[in-house]
Amino acid sequence: MMNALSQLLYGGSCYWIKGFVMPIDRDEIARVLKERRAIKPCHRCGEMQFTVLDGYSKMTLEKEIQGGLVIGAPIVPVATIACDNCGAITSHALGPLGLLPKKEEEEG
């Protein structure tokens, strides 16, 4: 069984998804977030209306806070959600939500 970090990073590295194009399915992301009960009000203004942004983001995991960007550092692909009222942004890792392609699908 994978721990949470391994699940986020596909076993500690995302190198194998380099160059893989996965179209965003905003409706599927919204469905999965509702299914997982990620439906609380905005953490900034308390409003209930959100939009799944039309694109993915990546969070880079660095071992140190000092220094510049590390090329080849592990990344966490995320869906980005914005509050329709105040614009506050939250990120949801795609791996734990089951929204990343399986390794076999990408290789096959």
N, C-alpha and C. Protein backbone atom coordinates (compact mmCIF):
# COMPACT_ATOMS: atom_id res chain seq x y z
N MET A 1 0.85 -1.19 0.00
CA MET A 1 0.00 0.00 0.00
C MET A 1 0.88 1.25 0.00
N MET A 2 0.55 2.20 -0.84
CA MET A 2 1.35 3.42 -0.94
C MET A 2 1.02 4.39 0.19
N ASN A 3 2.06 5.08 0.69
CA ASN A 3 1.77 6.15 1.63
C ASN A 3 1.29 7.36 0.85
N ALA A 4 0.81 8.39 1.55
CA ALA A 4 0.21 9.54 0.88
C ALA A 4 1.17 10.22 -0.08
N LEU A 5 2.43 10.42 0.32
CA LEU A 5 3.38 11.10 -0.55
C LEU A 5 3.67 10.26 -1.79
N SER A 6 3.83 8.96 -1.61
CA SER A 6 4.07 8.10 -2.77
C SER A 6 2.90 8.15 -3.73
N GLN A 7 1.69 8.20 -3.19
CA GLN A 7 0.51 8.27 -4.03
C GLN A 7 0.50 9.57 -4.82
N LEU A 8 0.90 10.66 -4.19
CA LEU A 8 0.95 11.94 -4.89
C LEU A 8 1.97 11.91 -6.02
N LEU A 9 3.07 11.24 -5.79
CA LEU A 9 4.19 11.29 -6.72
C LEU A 9 4.35 10.04 -7.57
N TYR A 10 3.37 9.15 -7.57
CA TYR A 10 3.53 7.90 -8.31
C TYR A 10 4.80 7.18 -7.91
N GLY A 11 4.91 6.84 -6.64
CA GLY A 11 6.05 6.06 -6.20
C GLY A 11 7.31 6.87 -6.05
N GLY A 12 7.21 8.16 -5.86
CA GLY A 12 8.36 8.98 -5.59
C GLY A 12 8.89 9.76 -6.77
N SER A 13 8.33 9.55 -7.96
CA SER A 13 8.83 10.29 -9.12
C SER A 13 7.74 10.41 -10.17
N CYS A 14 7.68 11.54 -10.81
CA CYS A 14 6.72 11.75 -11.89
C CYS A 14 7.41 11.79 -13.24
N TYR A 15 8.67 11.37 -13.31
CA TYR A 15 9.42 11.52 -14.55
C TYR A 15 8.74 10.82 -15.72
N TRP A 16 8.05 9.73 -15.48
CA TRP A 16 7.49 8.94 -16.56
C TRP A 16 6.29 9.59 -17.22
N ILE A 17 5.70 10.63 -16.60
CA ILE A 17 4.58 11.29 -17.26
C ILE A 17 5.06 12.48 -18.10
N LYS A 18 6.38 12.67 -18.16
CA LYS A 18 6.93 13.76 -18.97
C LYS A 18 6.43 13.64 -20.41
N GLY A 19 5.88 14.71 -20.90
CA GLY A 19 5.41 14.73 -22.27
C GLY A 19 4.02 14.15 -22.46
N PHE A 20 3.44 13.58 -21.43
CA PHE A 20 2.10 13.00 -21.53
C PHE A 20 1.07 14.12 -21.47
N VAL A 21 0.15 14.13 -22.41
CA VAL A 21 -0.89 15.16 -22.45
C VAL A 21 -2.19 14.55 -21.94
N MET A 22 -2.73 15.15 -20.88
CA MET A 22 -3.98 14.68 -20.31
C MET A 22 -4.97 15.84 -20.33
N PRO A 23 -5.99 15.79 -21.17
CA PRO A 23 -6.94 16.89 -21.22
C PRO A 23 -7.67 17.04 -19.89
N ILE A 24 -7.96 18.27 -19.52
CA ILE A 24 -8.65 18.52 -18.26
C ILE A 24 -10.14 18.25 -18.43
N ASP A 25 -10.71 17.57 -17.45
CA ASP A 25 -12.15 17.30 -17.43
C ASP A 25 -12.69 17.99 -16.18
N ARG A 26 -13.09 19.24 -16.33
CA ARG A 26 -13.53 20.04 -15.19
C ARG A 26 -14.75 19.42 -14.51
N ASP A 27 -15.66 18.82 -15.28
CA ASP A 27 -16.85 18.20 -14.68
C ASP A 27 -16.46 17.00 -13.83
N GLU A 28 -15.50 16.20 -14.31
CA GLU A 28 -15.05 15.03 -13.54
C GLU A 28 -14.35 15.47 -12.25
N ILE A 29 -13.55 16.50 -12.32
CA ILE A 29 -12.88 17.01 -11.12
C ILE A 29 -13.92 17.47 -10.11
N ALA A 30 -14.91 18.24 -10.56
CA ALA A 30 -15.98 18.71 -9.67
C ALA A 30 -16.74 17.53 -9.07
N ARG A 31 -17.04 16.53 -9.89
CA ARG A 31 -17.76 15.35 -9.40
C ARG A 31 -16.99 14.61 -8.31
N VAL A 32 -15.70 14.40 -8.55
CA VAL A 32 -14.87 13.68 -7.58
C VAL A 32 -14.74 14.49 -6.29
N LEU A 33 -14.56 15.80 -6.38
CA LEU A 33 -14.46 16.62 -5.17
C LEU A 33 -15.75 16.56 -4.36
N LYS A 34 -16.90 16.58 -5.02
CA LYS A 34 -18.19 16.45 -4.31
C LYS A 34 -18.31 15.07 -3.67
N GLU A 35 -17.91 14.04 -4.42
CA GLU A 35 -17.96 12.67 -3.92
C GLU A 35 -17.09 12.51 -2.66
N ARG A 36 -15.97 13.21 -2.62
CA ARG A 36 -15.05 13.16 -1.47
C ARG A 36 -15.42 14.16 -0.38
N ARG A 37 -16.55 14.81 -0.54
CA ARG A 37 -17.09 15.78 0.42
C ARG A 37 -16.21 17.02 0.58
N ALA A 38 -15.55 17.43 -0.48
CA ALA A 38 -14.78 18.67 -0.47
C ALA A 38 -15.72 19.80 -0.90
N ILE A 39 -16.71 20.07 -0.05
CA ILE A 39 -17.80 20.99 -0.41
C ILE A 39 -18.00 22.10 0.63
N LYS A 40 -17.03 22.29 1.50
CA LYS A 40 -17.18 23.33 2.52
C LYS A 40 -17.08 24.72 1.91
N PRO A 41 -17.58 25.72 2.63
CA PRO A 41 -17.50 27.10 2.11
C PRO A 41 -16.06 27.57 1.94
N CYS A 42 -15.91 28.63 1.18
CA CYS A 42 -14.60 29.24 0.97
C CYS A 42 -13.95 29.58 2.32
N HIS A 43 -12.66 29.27 2.43
CA HIS A 43 -11.93 29.52 3.67
C HIS A 43 -11.69 31.01 3.91
N ARG A 44 -11.88 31.85 2.91
CA ARG A 44 -11.64 33.30 3.06
C ARG A 44 -12.93 34.08 3.27
N CYS A 45 -13.97 33.82 2.44
CA CYS A 45 -15.16 34.66 2.49
C CYS A 45 -16.43 33.92 2.90
N GLY A 46 -16.39 32.59 2.94
CA GLY A 46 -17.55 31.82 3.37
C GLY A 46 -18.57 31.52 2.28
N GLU A 47 -18.35 31.98 1.07
CA GLU A 47 -19.29 31.70 -0.02
C GLU A 47 -19.18 30.25 -0.48
N MET A 48 -20.19 29.79 -1.21
CA MET A 48 -20.28 28.37 -1.58
C MET A 48 -20.05 28.09 -3.07
N GLN A 49 -19.85 29.09 -3.90
CA GLN A 49 -19.72 28.86 -5.34
C GLN A 49 -18.24 28.87 -5.75
N PHE A 50 -17.83 27.81 -6.46
CA PHE A 50 -16.45 27.66 -6.89
C PHE A 50 -16.39 27.31 -8.37
N THR A 51 -15.24 27.53 -8.98
CA THR A 51 -14.99 27.15 -10.36
C THR A 51 -13.71 26.34 -10.44
N VAL A 52 -13.78 25.21 -11.16
CA VAL A 52 -12.58 24.44 -11.46
C VAL A 52 -11.91 25.16 -12.62
N LEU A 53 -10.69 25.63 -12.42
CA LEU A 53 -9.98 26.38 -13.46
C LEU A 53 -9.63 25.46 -14.63
N ASP A 54 -9.55 26.04 -15.81
CA ASP A 54 -9.37 25.29 -17.04
C ASP A 54 -7.90 25.02 -17.33
N GLY A 55 -7.30 24.18 -16.50
CA GLY A 55 -5.90 23.80 -16.65
C GLY A 55 -5.38 23.20 -15.36
N TYR A 56 -4.28 22.50 -15.46
CA TYR A 56 -3.65 21.90 -14.29
C TYR A 56 -2.51 22.79 -13.81
N SER A 57 -2.14 22.62 -12.55
CA SER A 57 -0.96 23.27 -11.99
C SER A 57 -0.05 22.18 -11.45
N LYS A 58 1.18 22.56 -11.16
CA LYS A 58 2.15 21.63 -10.59
C LYS A 58 2.80 22.29 -9.39
N MET A 59 2.88 21.56 -8.30
CA MET A 59 3.61 22.03 -7.12
C MET A 59 4.92 21.28 -7.07
N THR A 60 6.01 22.03 -7.01
CA THR A 60 7.34 21.42 -6.95
C THR A 60 7.69 21.16 -5.49
N LEU A 61 8.21 19.98 -5.21
CA LEU A 61 8.65 19.63 -3.85
C LEU A 61 10.15 19.81 -3.76
N GLU A 62 10.58 20.67 -2.90
CA GLU A 62 12.00 20.98 -2.71
C GLU A 62 12.46 20.45 -1.36
N LYS A 63 13.68 20.00 -1.27
CA LYS A 63 14.23 19.50 -0.01
C LYS A 63 14.71 20.64 0.90
N GLU A 64 15.01 21.80 0.31
CA GLU A 64 15.49 22.95 1.07
C GLU A 64 14.73 24.19 0.65
N ILE A 65 14.58 25.12 1.57
CA ILE A 65 13.88 26.36 1.26
C ILE A 65 14.80 27.38 0.60
N GLN A 66 16.09 27.26 0.83
CA GLN A 66 17.05 28.20 0.24
C GLN A 66 17.47 27.72 -1.14
N GLY A 67 17.97 28.63 -1.92
CA GLY A 67 18.47 28.27 -3.24
C GLY A 67 17.42 28.46 -4.31
N GLY A 68 17.79 28.14 -5.52
CA GLY A 68 16.90 28.32 -6.65
C GLY A 68 16.08 27.08 -6.94
N LEU A 69 15.37 27.12 -8.04
CA LEU A 69 14.55 26.03 -8.51
C LEU A 69 15.44 24.84 -8.87
N VAL A 70 15.04 23.65 -8.44
CA VAL A 70 15.79 22.44 -8.73
C VAL A 70 15.17 21.77 -9.95
N ILE A 71 15.93 21.67 -11.03
CA ILE A 71 15.46 20.99 -12.24
C ILE A 71 15.36 19.50 -11.94
N GLY A 72 14.23 18.91 -12.28
CA GLY A 72 14.02 17.49 -12.05
C GLY A 72 13.48 17.17 -10.67
N ALA A 73 13.15 18.19 -9.88
CA ALA A 73 12.57 17.95 -8.56
C ALA A 73 11.19 17.29 -8.73
N PRO A 74 10.79 16.49 -7.77
CA PRO A 74 9.47 15.86 -7.88
C PRO A 74 8.36 16.91 -7.88
N ILE A 75 7.28 16.60 -8.59
CA ILE A 75 6.15 17.51 -8.66
C ILE A 75 4.87 16.81 -8.23
N VAL A 76 3.90 17.60 -7.81
CA VAL A 76 2.57 17.10 -7.50
C VAL A 76 1.61 17.79 -8.47
N PRO A 77 1.01 17.05 -9.40
CA PRO A 77 0.02 17.66 -10.29
C PRO A 77 -1.25 17.95 -9.51
N VAL A 78 -1.82 19.15 -9.69
CA VAL A 78 -3.01 19.54 -8.93
C VAL A 78 -4.07 20.16 -9.82
N ALA A 79 -5.32 20.00 -9.38
CA ALA A 79 -6.44 20.75 -9.95
C ALA A 79 -6.57 22.01 -9.11
N THR A 80 -6.82 23.12 -9.78
CA THR A 80 -6.90 24.41 -9.09
C THR A 80 -8.35 24.88 -9.10
N ILE A 81 -8.84 25.24 -7.91
CA ILE A 81 -10.23 25.65 -7.71
C ILE A 81 -10.23 27.08 -7.21
N ALA A 82 -11.11 27.93 -7.77
CA ALA A 82 -11.19 29.33 -7.36
C ALA A 82 -12.58 29.65 -6.83
N CYS A 83 -12.65 30.42 -5.76
CA CYS A 83 -13.91 30.91 -5.22
C CYS A 83 -14.47 31.94 -6.21
N ASP A 84 -15.74 31.79 -6.55
CA ASP A 84 -16.37 32.71 -7.49
C ASP A 84 -16.57 34.11 -6.90
N ASN A 85 -16.54 34.24 -5.59
CA ASN A 85 -16.77 35.53 -4.95
C ASN A 85 -15.48 36.32 -4.74
N CYS A 86 -14.52 35.72 -4.03
CA CYS A 86 -13.32 36.48 -3.66
C CYS A 86 -12.08 36.05 -4.42
N GLY A 87 -12.16 34.96 -5.17
CA GLY A 87 -11.02 34.52 -5.96
C GLY A 87 -9.99 33.70 -5.21
N ALA A 88 -10.25 33.37 -3.95
CA ALA A 88 -9.30 32.53 -3.20
C ALA A 88 -9.10 31.23 -3.97
N ILE A 89 -7.86 30.76 -3.99
CA ILE A 89 -7.51 29.57 -4.77
C ILE A 89 -7.10 28.45 -3.83
N THR A 90 -7.59 27.25 -4.13
CA THR A 90 -7.16 26.04 -3.42
C THR A 90 -6.70 25.03 -4.47
N SER A 91 -5.80 24.16 -4.05
CA SER A 91 -5.27 23.13 -4.94
C SER A 91 -5.60 21.76 -4.37
N HIS A 92 -5.90 20.83 -5.25
CA HIS A 92 -6.21 19.45 -4.86
C HIS A 92 -5.33 18.52 -5.67
N ALA A 93 -4.50 17.72 -4.98
CA ALA A 93 -3.61 16.77 -5.65
C ALA A 93 -4.43 15.75 -6.43
N LEU A 94 -4.07 15.53 -7.69
CA LEU A 94 -4.82 14.63 -8.56
C LEU A 94 -4.67 13.16 -8.19
N GLY A 95 -3.49 12.76 -7.69
CA GLY A 95 -3.24 11.35 -7.36
C GLY A 95 -4.22 10.77 -6.36
N PRO A 96 -4.37 11.36 -5.18
CA PRO A 96 -5.29 10.81 -4.20
C PRO A 96 -6.75 10.84 -4.66
N LEU A 97 -7.08 11.70 -5.61
CA LEU A 97 -8.44 11.78 -6.13
C LEU A 97 -8.68 10.75 -7.24
N GLY A 98 -7.63 10.02 -7.62
CA GLY A 98 -7.76 9.02 -8.67
C GLY A 98 -7.89 9.63 -10.06
N LEU A 99 -7.37 10.85 -10.24
CA LEU A 99 -7.53 11.56 -11.51
C LEU A 99 -6.29 11.57 -12.39
N LEU A 100 -5.26 10.83 -11.99
CA LEU A 100 -4.07 10.70 -12.84
C LEU A 100 -4.19 9.42 -13.64
N PRO A 101 -3.64 9.40 -14.86
CA PRO A 101 -3.69 8.15 -15.63
C PRO A 101 -2.84 7.09 -14.96
N LYS A 102 -3.24 5.86 -15.14
CA LYS A 102 -2.46 4.74 -14.62
C LYS A 102 -1.18 4.63 -15.44
N LYS A 103 -0.11 4.19 -14.80
CA LYS A 103 1.18 4.07 -15.48
C LYS A 103 1.07 3.19 -16.73
N GLU A 104 0.34 2.09 -16.65
CA GLU A 104 0.20 1.18 -17.78
C GLU A 104 -0.49 1.86 -18.96
N GLU A 105 -1.47 2.75 -18.68
CA GLU A 105 -2.18 3.45 -19.76
C GLU A 105 -1.22 4.35 -20.51
N GLU A 106 -0.34 5.03 -19.78
CA GLU A 106 0.59 5.97 -20.40
C GLU A 106 1.64 5.23 -21.22
N GLU A 107 2.11 4.08 -20.71
CA GLU A 107 3.16 3.33 -21.39
C GLU A 107 2.61 2.55 -22.59
N GLY A 108 1.33 2.10 -22.49
CA GLY A 108 0.75 1.22 -23.49
C GLY A 108 0.40 1.94 -24.72
